[in-house]
Amino acid sequence: MPENSVDKILMVDVYHEFEYPVEMLTSMKKALKPSGKIYLIEYRAEDSTVPIKRLHKMSEAQAVKEFKANGFELIENIGNLPWQHCMVFGVE
């Protein structure tokens, strides 16, 4: 995607599948406008009652660690989904 061309990026239950997450986040960061945001939806690893294999879950702590290492900050984790995190990240 062209630089500074995107307001929002939505990833639903896919980030944990990326083979090259650093490169993907680098590309997304370049494509985001200065006030752009990434909406990351992932099944909650912290909740053992979520009926999804652990392999397909992600904790808030893990997402924050990976995104922070790539120049993002957690703006909000919206608690509106029963089984998933809805984390909103912006550029630091």
C-alpha atoms as a PDB file:
ATOM      1  CA  MET A   1       0.000   0.000   0.000  1.00  0.00           C
ATOM      2  CA  PRO A   2       1.209   3.534  -0.620  1.00  0.00           C
ATOM      3  CA  GLU A   3       2.673   5.467   2.319  1.00  0.00           C
ATOM      4  CA  ASN A   4       0.278   7.571   4.407  1.00  0.00           C
ATOM      5  CA  SER A   5      -2.737   6.258   2.514  1.00  0.00           C
ATOM      6  CA  VAL A   6      -4.794   4.389   5.128  1.00  0.00           C
ATOM      7  CA  ASP A   7      -6.894   5.631   8.062  1.00  0.00           C
ATOM      8  CA  LYS A   8      -7.719   2.249   9.597  1.00  0.00           C
ATOM      9  CA  ILE A   9      -6.578  -1.328   9.292  1.00  0.00           C
ATOM     10  CA  LEU A  10      -8.779  -4.143  10.590  1.00  0.00           C
ATOM     11  CA  MET A  11      -7.302  -7.555  11.355  1.00  0.00           C
ATOM     12  CA  VAL A  12      -9.749 -10.188  12.581  1.00  0.00           C
ATOM     13  CA  ASP A  13      -8.221 -13.399  13.928  1.00  0.00           C
ATOM     14  CA  VAL A  14      -5.320 -13.293  11.461  1.00  0.00           C
ATOM     15  CA  TYR A  15      -2.346 -11.590  13.110  1.00  0.00           C
ATOM     16  CA  HIS A  16      -1.341 -14.715  15.045  1.00  0.00           C
ATOM     17  CA  GLU A  17      -1.062 -16.534  11.696  1.00  0.00           C
ATOM     18  CA  PHE A  18       1.502 -14.156  10.152  1.00  0.00           C
ATOM     19  CA  GLU A  19       4.740 -15.861   9.223  1.00  0.00           C
ATOM     20  CA  TYR A  20       6.529 -12.492   9.135  1.00  0.00           C
ATOM     21  CA  PRO A  21       4.764 -10.239  11.647  1.00  0.00           C
ATOM     22  CA  VAL A  22       7.586  -7.675  11.898  1.00  0.00           C
ATOM     23  CA  GLU A  23       7.591  -7.092   8.163  1.00  0.00           C
ATOM     24  CA  MET A  24       3.793  -6.925   8.082  1.00  0.00           C
ATOM     25  CA  LEU A  25       3.677  -4.356  10.892  1.00  0.00           C
ATOM     26  CA  THR A  26       6.426  -2.325   9.214  1.00  0.00           C
ATOM     27  CA  SER A  27       4.426  -2.236   5.992  1.00  0.00           C
ATOM     28  CA  MET A  28       1.200  -1.333   7.792  1.00  0.00           C
ATOM     29  CA  LYS A  29       2.928   1.416   9.777  1.00  0.00           C
ATOM     30  CA  LYS A  30       4.179   3.010   6.552  1.00  0.00           C
ATOM     31  CA  ALA A  31       0.716   2.812   4.994  1.00  0.00           C
ATOM     32  CA  LEU A  32      -1.054   4.419   7.958  1.00  0.00           C
ATOM     33  CA  LYS A  33      -1.717   8.125   7.999  1.00  0.00           C
ATOM     34  CA  PRO A  34      -0.231   9.909  11.055  1.00  0.00           C
ATOM     35  CA  SER A  35      -3.488   9.525  12.999  1.00  0.00           C
ATOM     36  CA  GLY A  36      -4.230   6.062  11.590  1.00  0.00           C
ATOM     37  CA  LYS A  37      -5.132   3.102  13.753  1.00  0.00           C
ATOM     38  CA  ILE A  38      -4.917  -0.674  13.651  1.00  0.00           C
ATOM     39  CA  TYR A  39      -7.851  -2.622  15.052  1.00  0.00           C
ATOM     40  CA  LEU A  40      -6.653  -6.027  16.177  1.00  0.00           C
ATOM     41  CA  ILE A  41      -9.255  -8.679  16.964  1.00  0.00           C
ATOM     42  CA  GLU A  42      -7.846 -11.858  18.509  1.00  0.00           C
ATOM     43  CA  TYR A  43      -9.312 -14.597  20.692  1.00  0.00           C
ATOM     44  CA  ARG A  44      -8.409 -14.092  24.355  1.00  0.00           C
ATOM     45  CA  ALA A  45      -5.550 -16.352  25.446  1.00  0.00           C
ATOM     46  CA  GLU A  46      -6.194 -15.298  29.048  1.00  0.00           C
ATOM     47  CA  ASP A  47      -9.610 -16.960  29.041  1.00  0.00           C
ATOM     48  CA  SER A  48      -9.517 -20.765  29.169  1.00  0.00           C
ATOM     49  CA  THR A  49     -13.284 -20.926  28.584  1.00  0.00           C
ATOM     50  CA  VAL A  50     -12.958 -19.575  25.025  1.00  0.00           C
ATOM     51  CA  PRO A  51     -13.530 -22.711  22.901  1.00  0.00           C
ATOM     52  CA  ILE A  52     -10.654 -22.117  20.498  1.00  0.00           C
ATOM     53  CA  LYS A  53      -7.314 -23.940  20.402  1.00  0.00           C
ATOM     54  CA  ARG A  54      -4.551 -22.079  22.276  1.00  0.00           C
ATOM     55  CA  LEU A  55      -2.639 -21.886  18.994  1.00  0.00           C
ATOM     56  CA  HIS A  56      -5.296 -19.474  17.690  1.00  0.00           C
ATOM     57  CA  LYS A  57      -5.429 -17.187  20.724  1.00  0.00           C
ATOM     58  CA  MET A  58      -3.386 -14.156  21.718  1.00  0.00           C
ATOM     59  CA  SER A  59      -3.049 -12.367  25.029  1.00  0.00           C
ATOM     60  CA  GLU A  60      -3.233  -8.623  25.362  1.00  0.00           C
ATOM     61  CA  ALA A  61       0.264  -8.660  26.888  1.00  0.00           C
ATOM     62  CA  GLN A  62       1.709 -10.497  23.889  1.00  0.00           C
ATOM     63  CA  ALA A  63       0.018  -8.200  21.374  1.00  0.00           C
ATOM     64  CA  VAL A  64       1.201  -5.090  23.229  1.00  0.00           C
ATOM     65  CA  LYS A  65       4.755  -6.458  23.416  1.00  0.00           C
ATOM     66  CA  GLU A  66       4.911  -7.174  19.672  1.00  0.00           C
ATOM     67  CA  PHE A  67       3.220  -3.969  18.561  1.00  0.00           C
ATOM     68  CA  LYS A  68       5.292  -1.792  20.938  1.00  0.00           C
ATOM     69  CA  ALA A  69       8.485  -3.357  19.565  1.00  0.00           C
ATOM     70  CA  ASN A  70       7.342  -2.141  16.151  1.00  0.00           C
ATOM     71  CA  GLY A  71       6.503   1.443  17.093  1.00  0.00           C
ATOM     72  CA  PHE A  72       2.849   1.177  18.133  1.00  0.00           C
ATOM     73  CA  GLU A  73       1.056   1.905  21.377  1.00  0.00           C
ATOM     74  CA  LEU A  74      -2.147   0.409  22.724  1.00  0.00           C
ATOM     75  CA  ILE A  75      -4.807   3.097  22.745  1.00  0.00           C
ATOM     76  CA  GLU A  76      -7.666   0.943  23.986  1.00  0.00           C
ATOM     77  CA  ASN A  77      -8.829  -2.629  24.433  1.00  0.00           C
ATOM     78  CA  ILE A  78     -12.545  -2.388  23.787  1.00  0.00           C
ATOM     79  CA  GLY A  79     -14.407  -4.957  25.881  1.00  0.00           C
ATOM     80  CA  ASN A  80     -17.369  -5.371  23.571  1.00  0.00           C
ATOM     81  CA  LEU A  81     -16.772  -8.909  22.295  1.00  0.00           C
ATOM     82  CA  PRO A  82     -17.543 -12.031  24.340  1.00  0.00           C
ATOM     83  CA  TRP A  83     -14.477 -14.108  23.349  1.00  0.00           C
ATOM     84  CA  GLN A  84     -12.075 -11.738  21.652  1.00  0.00           C
ATOM     85  CA  HIS A  85      -9.934  -8.731  22.406  1.00  0.00           C
ATOM     86  CA  CYS A  86     -10.626  -5.667  20.291  1.00  0.00           C
ATOM     87  CA  MET A  87      -7.344  -3.786  20.638  1.00  0.00           C
ATOM     88  CA  VAL A  88      -6.791  -0.423  19.023  1.00  0.00           C
ATOM     89  CA  PHE A  89      -3.186   0.558  18.276  1.00  0.00           C
ATOM     90  CA  GLY A  90      -1.754   3.829  17.053  1.00  0.00           C
ATOM     91  CA  VAL A  91       1.734   4.938  16.082  1.00  0.00           C
ATOM     92  CA  GLU A  92       3.823   6.044  19.080  1.00  0.00           C
END
